[in-house]
Amino acid sequence: MKILHLLMYPLNGSGSGTYARKLAEKTASEFTQDAVAVLCPDGSMNEIKGVKIFDLKMPFKVAYTGHPNWPNCKIYSELTNEEMAEIIQSFLKATTETVEKFKPDVIHCHHASHFAWSSSFIRAIFSINYIVTIHGTGVLCASQDRRWVPIVRPGLNDAYLINAVSGDTKKWLFKVFGRRLNRKTRIIPGSVDLDTYPRTGSTNLIDKKYKLKGKKVVIYTGKLTVRKGVEYLIRAAPKIKGEVFIIGGGDDKERLMELAKKLKTKNITFTGYIDPRSVEEFRQFYRRSNVFVFPSIWDEPLGLVALEAMASCTPVVGSKKGGISMAVKNDQTGYLVRAKSPKQITVAVNKILADPELEKRLGENARKLVEEKFNLKKIARKFHDIYSQAYENSIKRKKTKALIGPKELERERREVKGKRVDYI
């Protein structure tokens, strides 16, 4: 079986990019008889073992909420009509060319986007079934800019299956695109490769680089955009009894750095965006941190960064927003706090920092939950079953392509002629 992933972002720097990259990689390694490919921007800059990469040529860089690899990109909800037409045409052209070259048996489209519309076109022409993963920001864009709804909706209607990464994302999808999608929508959460984020390991690299010996460490990793709520972690920092590291890049970075300067915080370090080639430094931060803070102020679909921290036995303090509560359980894997509340962040973080036994218990529970419910190996097998079902369904569709056979058509012609009715 040949599986093609369609991704509108690079394979690094965003949750959906990480999701698609790791799923493609795990599918290729677990099911060696299959061929796996990804069509994505900046494809020539990425490599995945066992996966073929096709480069998506875009007329200009554009994202839903920004992207650390594209600091000056356009925003989908702000495009002109002409820019919308140009980007949609470029995606359709790239999809068609890739399908003709790779000849996939099934397509996995990421985001409720115009890629879903392209997939619907491919299904009609090539009889290739596709599934769509709803990551959240595509639905956000459609809710902000209704021009996208009639473009994306046909792509969702024609999908073999839709999977939302959380229950909240599923509800939001129905609110924007309609409840008729319910019959084909399932919840399959984001996942973590446990081999990539082991329970234990060295932290010498960052201990030495940032002089962390004997210090308590609190981290945030992810895009620096207003919706991520990092501002409230910064406002909490002066009263947090540990070093706070903000890891990532984005269009809100300068404002956040100015805020930290204005508050005269002495315990915050902005590391910037960590290059994927420095992945070991990234992993060591997860292992070394005593608490991971996830202060989103919007209905976050789930948040792979929180799962990565939990896989590293790190407790999470997260906002009561969206799908975060799927992973963060009060007094079990961390603590949920009210969004936009520096005070609640401070109290929850300091409670964990002050009690090593509590930190250990929460961290162990966090790892256990990821192993049980967010294990990439298990999730990849679920998707492979869906790919197989979609492929088998497309084979049946090809066999029954003609709605009326030649014999039936001739009989209809005779009947119409006998009744002296014009046959059109």
Protein backbone atom coordinates (compact mmCIF):
# COMPACT_ATOMS: atom_id res chain seq x y z
CA MET A 1 0.00 0.00 0.00
CA LYS A 2 1.21 3.51 -0.85
CA ILE A 3 0.30 6.30 1.58
CA LEU A 4 0.65 10.01 0.79
CA HIS A 5 0.51 12.70 3.50
CA LEU A 6 -0.46 16.25 2.52
CA LEU A 7 0.90 18.93 4.86
CA MET A 8 0.70 22.70 4.38
CA TYR A 9 3.63 23.42 6.75
CA PRO A 10 7.26 22.30 7.07
CA LEU A 11 7.86 19.07 8.97
CA ASN A 12 9.39 20.95 11.90
CA GLY A 13 8.33 23.98 13.92
CA SER A 14 4.64 23.23 14.47
CA GLY A 15 2.47 20.63 16.16
CA SER A 16 0.90 19.40 12.92
CA GLY A 17 4.33 19.19 11.28
CA THR A 18 5.66 17.05 14.11
CA TYR A 19 2.47 14.97 14.07
CA ALA A 20 2.69 14.23 10.33
CA ARG A 21 6.46 13.65 10.41
CA LYS A 22 6.39 11.18 13.28
CA LEU A 23 3.32 9.34 11.97
CA ALA A 24 4.85 8.95 8.51
CA GLU A 25 8.16 7.80 10.00
CA LYS A 26 6.53 5.29 12.35
CA THR A 27 4.29 3.91 9.60
CA ALA A 28 7.30 3.40 7.33
CA SER A 29 9.28 1.62 10.07
CA GLU A 30 6.42 -0.53 11.40
CA PHE A 31 4.94 -1.51 8.03
CA THR A 32 7.97 -2.00 5.82
CA GLN A 33 5.90 -3.42 2.96
CA ASP A 34 4.27 0.00 2.52
CA ALA A 35 5.59 3.05 0.69
CA VAL A 36 5.08 6.37 2.51
CA ALA A 37 5.48 9.89 1.12
CA VAL A 38 4.86 13.46 2.29
CA LEU A 39 4.07 16.53 0.20
CA CYS A 40 5.03 19.64 2.20
CA PRO A 41 6.73 23.06 1.89
CA ASP A 42 10.51 23.24 2.30
CA GLY A 43 10.55 19.52 1.54
CA SER A 44 14.08 19.65 0.18
CA MET A 45 15.27 20.73 3.66
CA ASN A 46 13.78 17.69 5.40
CA GLU A 47 14.61 14.02 5.54
CA ILE A 48 12.63 11.19 7.12
CA LYS A 49 14.07 7.69 7.18
CA GLY A 50 12.09 5.45 4.85
CA VAL A 51 9.82 8.28 3.65
CA LYS A 52 9.87 10.02 0.26
CA ILE A 53 9.54 13.82 0.46
CA PHE A 54 7.90 15.90 -2.27
CA ASP A 55 8.49 19.65 -2.15
CA LEU A 56 5.36 21.83 -2.15
CA LYS A 57 6.15 24.98 -4.14
CA MET A 58 4.14 27.90 -2.74
CA PRO A 59 3.72 31.32 -4.41
CA PHE A 60 4.25 32.86 -0.96
CA LYS A 61 4.57 31.68 2.63
CA VAL A 62 1.30 31.64 4.55
CA ALA A 63 0.13 30.07 7.82
CA TYR A 64 -2.92 30.01 10.05
CA THR A 65 -1.30 31.60 13.12
CA GLY A 66 2.31 32.10 12.07
CA HIS A 67 5.27 29.72 11.88
CA PRO A 68 8.77 29.98 13.43
CA ASN A 69 10.38 28.94 10.12
CA TRP A 70 8.51 31.72 8.31
CA PRO A 71 8.81 34.83 10.52
CA ASN A 72 7.26 37.19 7.96
CA CYS A 73 4.62 34.94 6.45
CA LYS A 74 1.10 35.98 5.50
CA ILE A 75 -1.95 34.81 7.51
CA TYR A 76 -4.67 32.77 5.79
CA SER A 77 -7.58 34.75 7.26
CA GLU A 78 -6.03 37.99 5.94
CA LEU A 79 -5.43 36.94 2.32
CA THR A 80 -7.00 38.90 -0.51
CA ASN A 81 -9.36 37.08 -2.88
CA GLU A 82 -6.62 37.01 -5.52
CA GLU A 83 -4.11 35.55 -3.04
CA MET A 84 -6.62 32.90 -1.98
CA ALA A 85 -7.13 31.85 -5.59
CA GLU A 86 -3.37 31.75 -6.19
CA ILE A 87 -2.58 29.60 -3.14
CA ILE A 88 -5.47 27.18 -3.80
CA GLN A 89 -4.40 26.71 -7.42
CA SER A 90 -0.78 26.07 -6.41
CA PHE A 91 -1.81 23.41 -3.88
CA LEU A 92 -4.09 21.66 -6.39
CA LYS A 93 -1.34 21.67 -9.03
CA ALA A 94 1.22 20.26 -6.58
CA THR A 95 -1.19 17.60 -5.32
CA THR A 96 -2.09 16.45 -8.83
CA GLU A 97 1.55 16.27 -9.93
CA THR A 98 2.55 14.36 -6.79
CA VAL A 99 -0.31 11.87 -7.20
CA GLU A 100 0.70 11.24 -10.82
CA LYS A 101 4.32 10.60 -9.75
CA PHE A 102 3.81 8.65 -6.51
CA LYS A 103 0.50 6.93 -7.41
CA PRO A 104 -0.79 6.59 -3.83
CA ASP A 105 -3.47 4.13 -2.76
CA VAL A 106 -4.69 6.40 0.04
CA ILE A 107 -4.14 10.03 1.04
CA HIS A 108 -3.86 11.48 4.55
CA CYS A 109 -4.67 15.20 4.51
CA HIS A 110 -3.69 17.31 7.52
CA HIS A 111 -5.88 20.26 8.59
CA ALA A 112 -9.38 21.34 7.58
CA SER A 113 -7.90 23.22 4.66
CA HIS A 114 -7.92 23.67 0.90
CA PHE A 115 -5.75 20.54 0.81
CA ALA A 116 -8.98 18.68 1.69
CA TRP A 117 -10.61 20.32 -1.35
CA SER A 118 -7.65 19.20 -3.49
CA SER A 119 -8.05 15.68 -2.08
CA SER A 120 -11.73 15.69 -3.04
CA PHE A 121 -10.74 16.60 -6.60
CA ILE A 122 -8.19 13.77 -6.66
CA ARG A 123 -10.80 11.32 -5.36
CA ALA A 124 -13.20 12.27 -8.15
CA ILE A 125 -10.56 11.90 -10.89
CA PHE A 126 -8.35 9.06 -9.62
CA SER A 127 -10.78 7.24 -7.27
CA ILE A 128 -8.31 7.54 -4.38
CA ASN A 129 -9.88 7.72 -0.92
CA TYR A 130 -8.51 10.12 1.66
CA ILE A 131 -8.82 10.88 5.36
CA VAL A 132 -8.52 14.28 7.05
CA THR A 133 -6.95 15.01 10.44
CA ILE A 134 -8.38 18.09 12.17
CA HIS A 135 -5.58 19.80 14.10
CA GLY A 136 -7.57 22.86 15.14
CA THR A 137 -6.08 25.92 13.50
CA GLY A 138 -7.82 25.20 10.19
CA VAL A 139 -11.16 25.35 11.99
CA LEU A 140 -10.02 28.54 13.72
CA CYS A 141 -9.25 30.12 10.34
CA ALA A 142 -12.66 29.17 8.91
CA SER A 143 -14.38 30.60 11.98
CA GLN A 144 -12.50 33.89 11.49
CA ASP A 145 -12.85 34.05 7.70
CA ARG A 146 -16.04 32.47 6.33
CA ARG A 147 -14.66 32.52 2.77
CA TRP A 148 -12.87 29.29 3.61
CA VAL A 149 -16.01 27.39 4.69
CA PRO A 150 -17.46 26.63 1.20
CA ILE A 151 -13.96 25.75 -0.02
CA VAL A 152 -13.11 23.33 2.78
CA ARG A 153 -16.56 21.82 3.42
CA PRO A 154 -16.74 19.72 0.18
CA GLY A 155 -13.35 18.26 1.06
CA LEU A 156 -14.64 17.20 4.46
CA ASN A 157 -17.91 15.85 3.05
CA ASP A 158 -16.10 13.59 0.56
CA ALA A 159 -13.48 12.28 3.01
CA TYR A 160 -13.56 8.58 3.81
CA LEU A 161 -12.95 9.44 7.47
CA ILE A 162 -12.26 12.53 9.56
CA ASN A 163 -10.29 12.34 12.78
CA ALA A 164 -10.16 15.11 15.35
CA VAL A 165 -7.27 15.20 17.82
CA SER A 166 -9.59 15.91 20.79
CA GLY A 167 -13.25 16.02 21.76
CA ASP A 168 -13.19 19.82 21.91
CA THR A 169 -11.76 20.00 18.40
CA LYS A 170 -14.53 17.69 17.19
CA LYS A 171 -17.24 19.93 18.71
CA TRP A 172 -15.64 23.00 17.18
CA LEU A 173 -15.47 21.28 13.78
CA PHE A 174 -19.23 20.60 13.87
CA LYS A 175 -19.98 24.16 14.96
CA VAL A 176 -18.16 25.62 11.96
CA PHE A 177 -18.79 23.00 9.25
CA GLY A 178 -22.00 21.27 10.39
CA ARG A 179 -23.05 18.20 12.35
CA ARG A 180 -23.59 16.10 9.24
CA LEU A 181 -19.88 15.25 9.53
CA ASN A 182 -20.61 13.34 12.74
CA ARG A 183 -21.18 10.01 10.96
CA LYS A 184 -17.62 9.90 9.66
CA THR A 185 -15.70 11.65 12.46
CA ARG A 186 -13.63 9.88 15.11
CA ILE A 187 -11.33 11.09 17.86
CA ILE A 188 -7.74 9.88 17.51
CA PRO A 189 -5.45 11.97 19.73
CA GLY A 190 -1.97 13.21 19.05
CA SER A 191 0.79 10.88 20.12
CA VAL A 192 4.43 10.66 21.15
CA ASP A 193 7.20 8.33 20.04
CA LEU A 194 8.33 6.89 23.36
CA ASP A 195 11.67 5.91 21.85
CA THR A 196 12.34 9.57 21.05
CA TYR A 197 11.43 10.72 24.58
CA PRO A 198 12.77 8.09 26.98
CA ARG A 199 11.95 8.06 30.67
CA THR A 200 15.52 8.90 31.72
CA GLY A 201 18.75 10.12 30.18
CA SER A 202 21.64 12.57 30.44
CA THR A 203 21.09 16.32 30.88
CA ASN A 204 24.77 17.26 30.93
CA LEU A 205 24.55 19.31 27.74
CA ILE A 206 22.04 21.86 29.02
CA ASP A 207 23.23 21.71 32.65
CA LYS A 208 26.63 22.90 31.47
CA LYS A 209 25.38 25.30 28.78
CA TYR A 210 22.89 27.11 31.05
CA LYS A 211 24.64 26.49 34.42
CA LEU A 212 21.68 24.62 35.91
CA LYS A 213 23.44 22.56 38.55
CA GLY A 214 21.30 22.49 41.70
CA LYS A 215 18.55 24.68 40.20
CA LYS A 216 14.83 24.12 39.74
CA VAL A 217 13.76 24.45 36.10
CA VAL A 218 10.41 25.42 34.57
CA ILE A 219 9.94 25.39 30.79
CA TYR A 220 7.56 26.31 28.01
CA THR A 221 8.16 25.05 24.47
CA GLY A 222 6.19 25.97 21.38
CA LYS A 223 5.27 28.82 19.07
CA LEU A 224 5.35 32.30 20.56
CA THR A 225 1.98 33.67 19.48
CA VAL A 226 -0.62 35.56 21.50
CA ARG A 227 -2.93 32.53 21.69
CA LYS A 228 -0.27 30.44 23.43
CA GLY A 229 -0.61 32.65 26.53
CA VAL A 230 3.12 32.83 27.28
CA GLU A 231 2.56 36.37 28.54
CA TYR A 232 0.91 34.93 31.66
CA LEU A 233 3.85 32.65 32.41
CA ILE A 234 6.13 35.70 32.15
CA ARG A 235 3.88 37.63 34.55
CA ALA A 236 4.02 34.66 36.93
CA ALA A 237 7.80 34.27 36.67
CA PRO A 238 8.89 36.83 39.32
CA LYS A 239 7.22 34.70 42.01
CA ILE A 240 8.20 31.30 40.59
CA LYS A 241 10.96 29.72 42.68
CA GLY A 242 13.03 28.43 39.80
CA GLU A 243 14.58 29.25 36.44
CA VAL A 244 12.04 29.77 33.63
CA PHE A 245 13.03 28.86 30.07
CA ILE A 246 10.91 29.93 27.11
CA ILE A 247 11.85 27.80 24.13
CA GLY A 248 10.54 28.69 20.69
CA GLY A 249 10.06 31.46 18.17
CA GLY A 250 7.17 33.35 16.67
CA ASP A 251 5.68 36.73 15.89
CA ASP A 252 5.01 37.52 19.57
CA LYS A 253 8.60 36.99 20.69
CA GLU A 254 9.68 40.65 20.69
CA ARG A 255 6.64 41.76 22.68
CA LEU A 256 7.20 38.99 25.23
CA MET A 257 10.87 39.91 25.64
CA GLU A 258 9.89 43.55 26.17
CA LEU A 259 7.35 42.48 28.80
CA ALA A 260 9.98 40.44 30.66
CA LYS A 261 12.31 43.44 30.56
CA LYS A 262 9.57 45.77 31.81
CA LEU A 263 8.78 43.42 34.73
CA LYS A 264 12.51 43.25 35.53
CA THR A 265 12.40 39.46 35.74
CA LYS A 266 15.79 37.92 36.46
CA ASN A 267 14.85 34.25 36.13
CA ILE A 268 13.65 34.10 32.49
CA THR A 269 15.75 32.89 29.57
CA PHE A 270 14.54 33.07 25.97
CA THR A 271 16.42 30.37 24.06
CA GLY A 272 14.77 31.12 20.72
CA TYR A 273 13.73 28.43 18.29
CA ILE A 274 15.85 25.31 18.71
CA ASP A 275 16.88 23.93 15.33
CA PRO A 276 15.63 20.35 14.71
CA ARG A 277 19.26 19.34 14.20
CA SER A 278 19.78 20.18 17.90
CA VAL A 279 17.05 17.75 18.93
CA GLU A 280 19.10 16.32 21.80
CA GLU A 281 19.17 19.72 23.52
CA PHE A 282 15.40 19.86 23.15
CA ARG A 283 14.94 16.41 24.71
CA GLN A 284 17.27 17.23 27.57
CA PHE A 285 15.19 20.29 28.44
CA TYR A 286 12.15 18.05 28.82
CA ARG A 287 14.06 15.61 31.03
CA ARG A 288 15.75 18.31 33.09
CA SER A 289 12.67 20.45 33.79
CA ASN A 290 10.78 20.04 37.04
CA VAL A 291 7.57 21.50 35.58
CA PHE A 292 6.28 22.15 32.07
CA VAL A 293 3.84 25.08 31.74
CA PHE A 294 1.27 25.16 28.94
CA PRO A 295 -0.63 28.47 29.40
CA SER A 296 -2.77 28.59 26.23
CA ILE A 297 -5.65 31.08 26.16
CA TRP A 298 -7.50 29.51 23.22
CA ASP A 299 -9.15 26.10 22.84
CA GLU A 300 -5.93 24.21 22.19
CA PRO A 301 -6.64 20.97 20.26
CA LEU A 302 -4.38 18.96 22.59
CA GLY A 303 -0.78 20.08 22.43
CA LEU A 304 1.96 17.65 21.45
CA VAL A 305 4.54 19.58 23.47
CA ALA A 306 2.64 18.73 26.66
CA LEU A 307 2.65 15.04 25.70
CA GLU A 308 6.39 15.19 24.97
CA ALA A 309 7.02 16.64 28.43
CA MET A 310 4.81 14.00 30.04
CA ALA A 311 6.64 11.23 28.18
CA SER A 312 9.81 12.59 29.80
CA CYS A 313 8.23 12.18 33.27
CA THR A 314 7.66 15.92 33.68
CA PRO A 315 4.45 17.21 35.38
CA VAL A 316 2.40 19.73 33.40
CA VAL A 317 0.61 22.87 34.58
CA GLY A 318 -1.88 23.72 31.82
CA SER A 319 -4.85 25.96 31.13
CA LYS A 320 -8.40 24.64 31.33
CA LYS A 321 -8.80 25.17 27.60
CA GLY A 322 -9.74 22.83 24.76
CA GLY A 323 -8.18 19.38 24.66
CA ILE A 324 -5.47 20.04 27.26
CA SER A 325 -7.57 18.30 29.92
CA MET A 326 -7.31 15.04 27.93
CA ALA A 327 -3.73 14.77 29.17
CA VAL A 328 -3.46 17.02 32.22
CA LYS A 329 -5.37 15.50 35.13
CA ASN A 330 -5.55 17.44 38.39
CA ASP A 331 -3.24 16.01 41.05
CA GLN A 332 -2.53 13.01 38.79
CA THR A 333 -0.33 14.22 35.92
CA GLY A 334 -0.16 17.91 36.87
CA TYR A 335 -2.58 20.75 37.51
CA LEU A 336 -5.17 22.63 35.45
CA VAL A 337 -5.37 26.38 36.02
CA ARG A 338 -7.63 29.16 34.84
CA ALA A 339 -6.48 30.74 31.57
CA LYS A 340 -4.89 34.18 31.85
CA SER A 341 -4.14 33.69 35.56
CA PRO A 342 -0.48 34.31 36.52
CA LYS A 343 -1.44 33.76 40.17
CA GLN A 344 -2.79 30.25 39.59
CA ILE A 345 0.24 29.38 37.46
CA THR A 346 2.55 30.53 40.26
CA VAL A 347 0.73 28.57 42.96
CA ALA A 348 0.60 25.33 40.94
CA VAL A 349 4.22 25.52 39.77
CA ASN A 350 5.62 26.36 43.21
CA LYS A 351 3.59 23.57 44.79
CA ILE A 352 5.36 21.05 42.56
CA LEU A 353 8.79 22.65 42.93
CA ALA A 354 8.53 22.54 46.72
CA ASP A 355 7.67 18.83 46.91
CA PRO A 356 10.05 16.38 45.16
CA GLU A 357 7.83 13.42 46.05
CA LEU A 358 4.82 15.12 44.46
CA GLU A 359 6.87 15.96 41.38
CA LYS A 360 7.98 12.34 41.07
CA ARG A 361 4.44 10.96 41.47
CA LEU A 362 2.95 13.36 38.93
CA GLY A 363 5.78 12.69 36.48
CA GLU A 364 5.46 8.91 36.72
CA ASN A 365 1.69 9.13 36.25
CA ALA A 366 2.22 11.41 33.25
CA ARG A 367 4.55 8.92 31.59
CA LYS A 368 2.13 6.07 32.30
CA LEU A 369 -0.79 7.97 30.74
CA VAL A 370 1.21 8.65 27.57
CA GLU A 371 2.20 4.98 27.35
CA GLU A 372 -1.45 3.93 27.63
CA LYS A 373 -3.31 6.54 25.56
CA PHE A 374 -0.86 8.60 23.50
CA ASN A 375 1.66 6.00 22.33
CA LEU A 376 2.65 6.66 18.71
CA LYS A 377 3.17 2.97 18.00
CA LYS A 378 -0.45 2.20 18.94
CA ILE A 379 -1.82 5.26 17.12
CA ALA A 380 0.14 4.40 13.95
CA ARG A 381 -1.45 0.94 13.93
CA LYS A 382 -4.91 2.49 14.24
CA PHE A 383 -4.23 4.71 11.27
CA HIS A 384 -2.83 1.82 9.26
CA ASP A 385 -6.07 -0.09 9.78
CA ILE A 386 -7.98 2.97 8.54
CA TYR A 387 -5.68 3.33 5.52
CA SER A 388 -6.32 -0.33 4.63
CA GLN A 389 -10.09 0.08 4.95
CA ALA A 390 -10.05 3.24 2.84
CA TYR A 391 -7.96 1.50 0.17
CA GLU A 392 -10.26 -1.53 0.04
CA ASN A 393 -13.25 0.80 -0.25
CA SER A 394 -11.66 2.65 -3.17
CA ILE A 395 -11.06 -0.66 -4.99
CA LYS A 396 -14.77 -1.48 -4.66
CA ARG A 397 -15.66 1.99 -5.93
CA LYS A 398 -13.49 1.52 -9.00
CA LYS A 399 -15.22 -1.78 -9.80
CA THR A 400 -18.65 -0.13 -9.62
CA LYS A 401 -17.64 3.09 -11.34
CA ALA A 402 -20.43 2.97 -13.93
CA LEU A 403 -23.79 3.57 -12.27
CA ILE A 404 -25.62 2.05 -15.30
CA GLY A 405 -24.10 -0.78 -17.34
CA PRO A 406 -24.27 -0.97 -21.18
CA LYS A 407 -27.13 -3.50 -21.17
CA GLU A 408 -29.20 -1.42 -18.77
CA LEU A 409 -28.48 1.71 -20.81
CA GLU A 410 -29.67 0.07 -24.06
CA ARG A 411 -32.83 -1.17 -22.36
CA GLU A 412 -33.54 2.36 -21.11
CA ARG A 413 -33.10 3.71 -24.62
CA ARG A 414 -35.62 1.20 -26.06
CA GLU A 415 -38.16 1.97 -23.35
CA VAL A 416 -37.87 5.71 -23.87
CA LYS A 417 -38.11 5.31 -27.65
CA GLY A 418 -41.23 3.16 -27.33
CA LYS A 419 -42.92 5.85 -25.25
CA ARG A 420 -41.89 8.46 -27.83
CA VAL A 421 -40.11 10.58 -25.24
CA ASP A 422 -37.11 12.63 -26.29
CA TYR A 423 -33.98 10.99 -24.92
CA ILE A 424 -31.48 13.53 -23.73
